[in-house]
Amino acid sequence: MDLERLYQEVILTHYRRPRRRGTVTAPTGRAHVANPTCGDEVIVEVRAEGDRLVEVRFGGYGCTISQASASMMADRVEGCTRAEAETLHRRVVALVHGDPDAARDPTLGDLRALAGVAKFPPRVRCALLAWEALEHALRTPTP
């Protein structure tokens, strides 16, 4: 199986069987982000203990790319520190904008499947929607 087909399968797997879809019982941060161009919406809830993200969940609806990216994001950042999550966010932004170094970065794991999004500029926003929501959730504590 070639790399492109493997990556497509990773995206479809996360879309069909998302990881960490749901809500956090006692979130410390929450954000809702929408893409008015296509109608995709992602809600991200986090629970942090100190500097560590101990629980990350997402909800919403949209295209395969936005929902698979949300699944991969939640799965990858749960357990990370805020600084680690921010570093991952920057790497994913570089990845979906076509950075070849990010596409080869083994620390990104399944997230590298999003590298092909760079070939489809209208889909870049879809791939980054959950990451934007995570960024807002980390800065917007819930009451």
Protein backbone atom coordinates (compact mmCIF):
# COMPACT_ATOMS: atom_id res chain seq x y z
CA MET A 1 0.00 0.00 0.00
CA ASP A 2 1.48 3.38 -0.94
CA LEU A 3 1.89 6.13 1.66
CA GLU A 4 -0.92 8.29 0.26
CA ARG A 5 -3.44 5.45 0.48
CA LEU A 6 -2.24 4.60 3.98
CA TYR A 7 -2.77 8.21 5.08
CA GLN A 8 -6.22 8.27 3.50
CA GLU A 9 -7.08 5.15 5.49
CA VAL A 10 -5.88 6.79 8.73
CA ILE A 11 -8.15 9.77 8.09
CA LEU A 12 -11.13 7.55 7.25
CA THR A 13 -10.56 5.44 10.36
CA HIS A 14 -10.54 8.50 12.62
CA TYR A 15 -13.67 9.80 10.89
CA ARG A 16 -15.60 6.52 11.10
CA ARG A 17 -14.42 5.58 14.60
CA PRO A 18 -13.43 8.83 16.30
CA ARG A 19 -11.43 8.77 19.46
CA ARG A 20 -12.36 10.95 22.43
CA ARG A 21 -15.68 12.19 21.01
CA GLY A 22 -17.86 13.37 23.87
CA THR A 23 -17.80 15.81 26.75
CA VAL A 24 -15.67 16.40 29.81
CA THR A 25 -17.49 16.07 33.13
CA ALA A 26 -15.82 19.07 34.78
CA PRO A 27 -14.05 21.01 32.01
CA THR A 28 -11.54 23.72 32.83
CA GLY A 29 -11.78 25.06 29.28
CA ARG A 30 -14.25 24.92 26.42
CA ALA A 31 -14.46 26.43 22.95
CA HIS A 32 -16.77 26.26 19.94
CA VAL A 33 -15.35 27.15 16.54
CA ALA A 34 -17.21 27.16 13.23
CA ASN A 35 -16.20 27.49 9.62
CA PRO A 36 -18.86 29.70 8.03
CA THR A 37 -17.65 28.78 4.55
CA CYS A 38 -18.64 25.12 4.78
CA GLY A 39 -20.65 24.87 8.00
CA ASP A 40 -18.25 22.62 9.92
CA GLU A 41 -18.31 23.07 13.70
CA VAL A 42 -16.03 21.73 16.41
CA ILE A 43 -16.43 21.97 20.17
CA VAL A 44 -13.41 21.15 22.31
CA GLU A 45 -13.49 20.64 26.07
CA VAL A 46 -10.42 20.13 28.22
CA ARG A 47 -9.74 19.38 31.83
CA ALA A 48 -6.33 20.43 33.02
CA GLU A 49 -4.68 19.58 36.28
CA GLY A 50 -1.90 22.05 36.75
CA ASP A 51 -0.16 22.32 33.40
CA ARG A 52 -1.23 18.89 32.11
CA LEU A 53 -4.26 18.19 29.88
CA VAL A 54 -5.71 15.16 31.62
CA GLU A 55 -8.89 14.95 29.56
CA VAL A 56 -9.65 16.24 26.06
CA ARG A 57 -12.92 15.64 24.22
CA PHE A 58 -14.50 17.01 21.07
CA GLY A 59 -17.92 17.26 19.51
CA GLY A 60 -19.49 18.87 16.49
CA TYR A 61 -20.05 17.90 12.90
CA GLY A 62 -18.58 18.46 9.51
CA CYS A 63 -16.52 16.97 6.74
CA THR A 64 -14.24 13.98 6.99
CA ILE A 65 -11.14 16.16 7.34
CA SER A 66 -12.46 18.36 10.16
CA GLN A 67 -13.80 15.46 12.19
CA ALA A 68 -10.78 13.19 11.64
CA SER A 69 -8.47 16.04 12.56
CA ALA A 70 -10.47 16.64 15.76
CA SER A 71 -10.21 12.95 16.65
CA MET A 72 -6.46 12.91 16.02
CA MET A 73 -5.98 16.17 17.94
CA ALA A 74 -7.88 15.00 21.03
CA ASP A 75 -6.15 11.63 21.00
CA ARG A 76 -2.69 13.16 20.61
CA VAL A 77 -2.85 16.04 23.12
CA GLU A 78 -4.54 14.25 26.02
CA GLY A 79 -1.79 13.81 28.60
CA CYS A 80 0.38 16.58 27.14
CA THR A 81 1.39 19.74 28.92
CA ARG A 82 0.04 23.01 27.59
CA ALA A 83 3.46 23.80 26.11
CA GLU A 84 3.58 20.42 24.34
CA ALA A 85 0.08 20.97 22.95
CA GLU A 86 1.06 24.42 21.69
CA THR A 87 4.16 22.99 20.01
CA LEU A 88 2.04 20.31 18.34
CA HIS A 89 -0.40 22.97 17.18
CA ARG A 90 2.41 24.92 15.49
CA ARG A 91 3.73 21.73 13.82
CA VAL A 92 0.26 20.79 12.52
CA VAL A 93 -0.22 24.29 11.10
CA ALA A 94 3.11 23.93 9.28
CA LEU A 95 2.14 20.43 8.14
CA VAL A 96 -1.18 21.37 6.55
CA HIS A 97 0.45 24.36 4.88
CA GLY A 98 2.87 22.03 3.11
CA ASP A 99 6.03 22.11 5.25
CA PRO A 100 8.00 19.03 4.13
CA ASP A 101 9.92 18.83 7.44
CA ALA A 102 6.65 18.61 9.37
CA ALA A 103 5.45 15.87 7.00
CA ARG A 104 8.49 13.78 7.99
CA ASP A 105 8.31 14.56 11.72
CA PRO A 106 7.83 11.18 13.45
CA THR A 107 6.60 12.85 16.65
CA LEU A 108 3.38 13.78 14.82
CA GLY A 109 2.33 10.15 14.40
CA ASP A 110 -1.10 9.81 12.76
CA LEU A 111 -1.29 13.58 12.38
CA ARG A 112 1.07 13.26 9.40
CA ALA A 113 -1.90 11.90 7.49
CA LEU A 114 -3.07 15.52 7.25
CA ALA A 115 -0.07 16.45 5.08
CA GLY A 116 -2.10 15.87 1.91
CA VAL A 117 -4.48 18.69 2.91
CA ALA A 118 -1.86 21.17 1.67
CA LYS A 119 -2.80 20.16 -1.90
CA PHE A 120 -6.36 21.39 -1.27
CA PRO A 121 -6.21 24.94 0.17
CA PRO A 122 -9.96 25.14 0.90
CA ARG A 123 -9.54 22.14 3.25
CA VAL A 124 -6.74 23.71 5.32
CA ARG A 125 -9.29 25.52 7.49
CA CYS A 126 -11.17 22.24 7.99
CA ALA A 127 -8.01 20.49 9.19
CA LEU A 128 -7.17 23.30 11.62
CA LEU A 129 -10.64 23.87 13.09
CA ALA A 130 -10.14 21.56 16.09
CA TRP A 131 -6.69 22.97 16.75
CA GLU A 132 -8.11 26.49 16.81
CA ALA A 133 -10.81 25.31 19.22
CA LEU A 134 -8.15 23.71 21.44
CA GLU A 135 -6.19 26.96 21.48
CA HIS A 136 -9.32 28.89 22.55
CA ALA A 137 -10.27 26.25 25.14
CA LEU A 138 -6.85 26.55 26.74
CA ARG A 139 -7.28 30.33 26.99
CA THR A 140 -10.98 30.36 27.94
CA PRO A 141 -11.62 28.81 31.33
CA THR A 142 -15.13 27.58 32.04
CA PRO A 143 -16.94 29.12 34.99
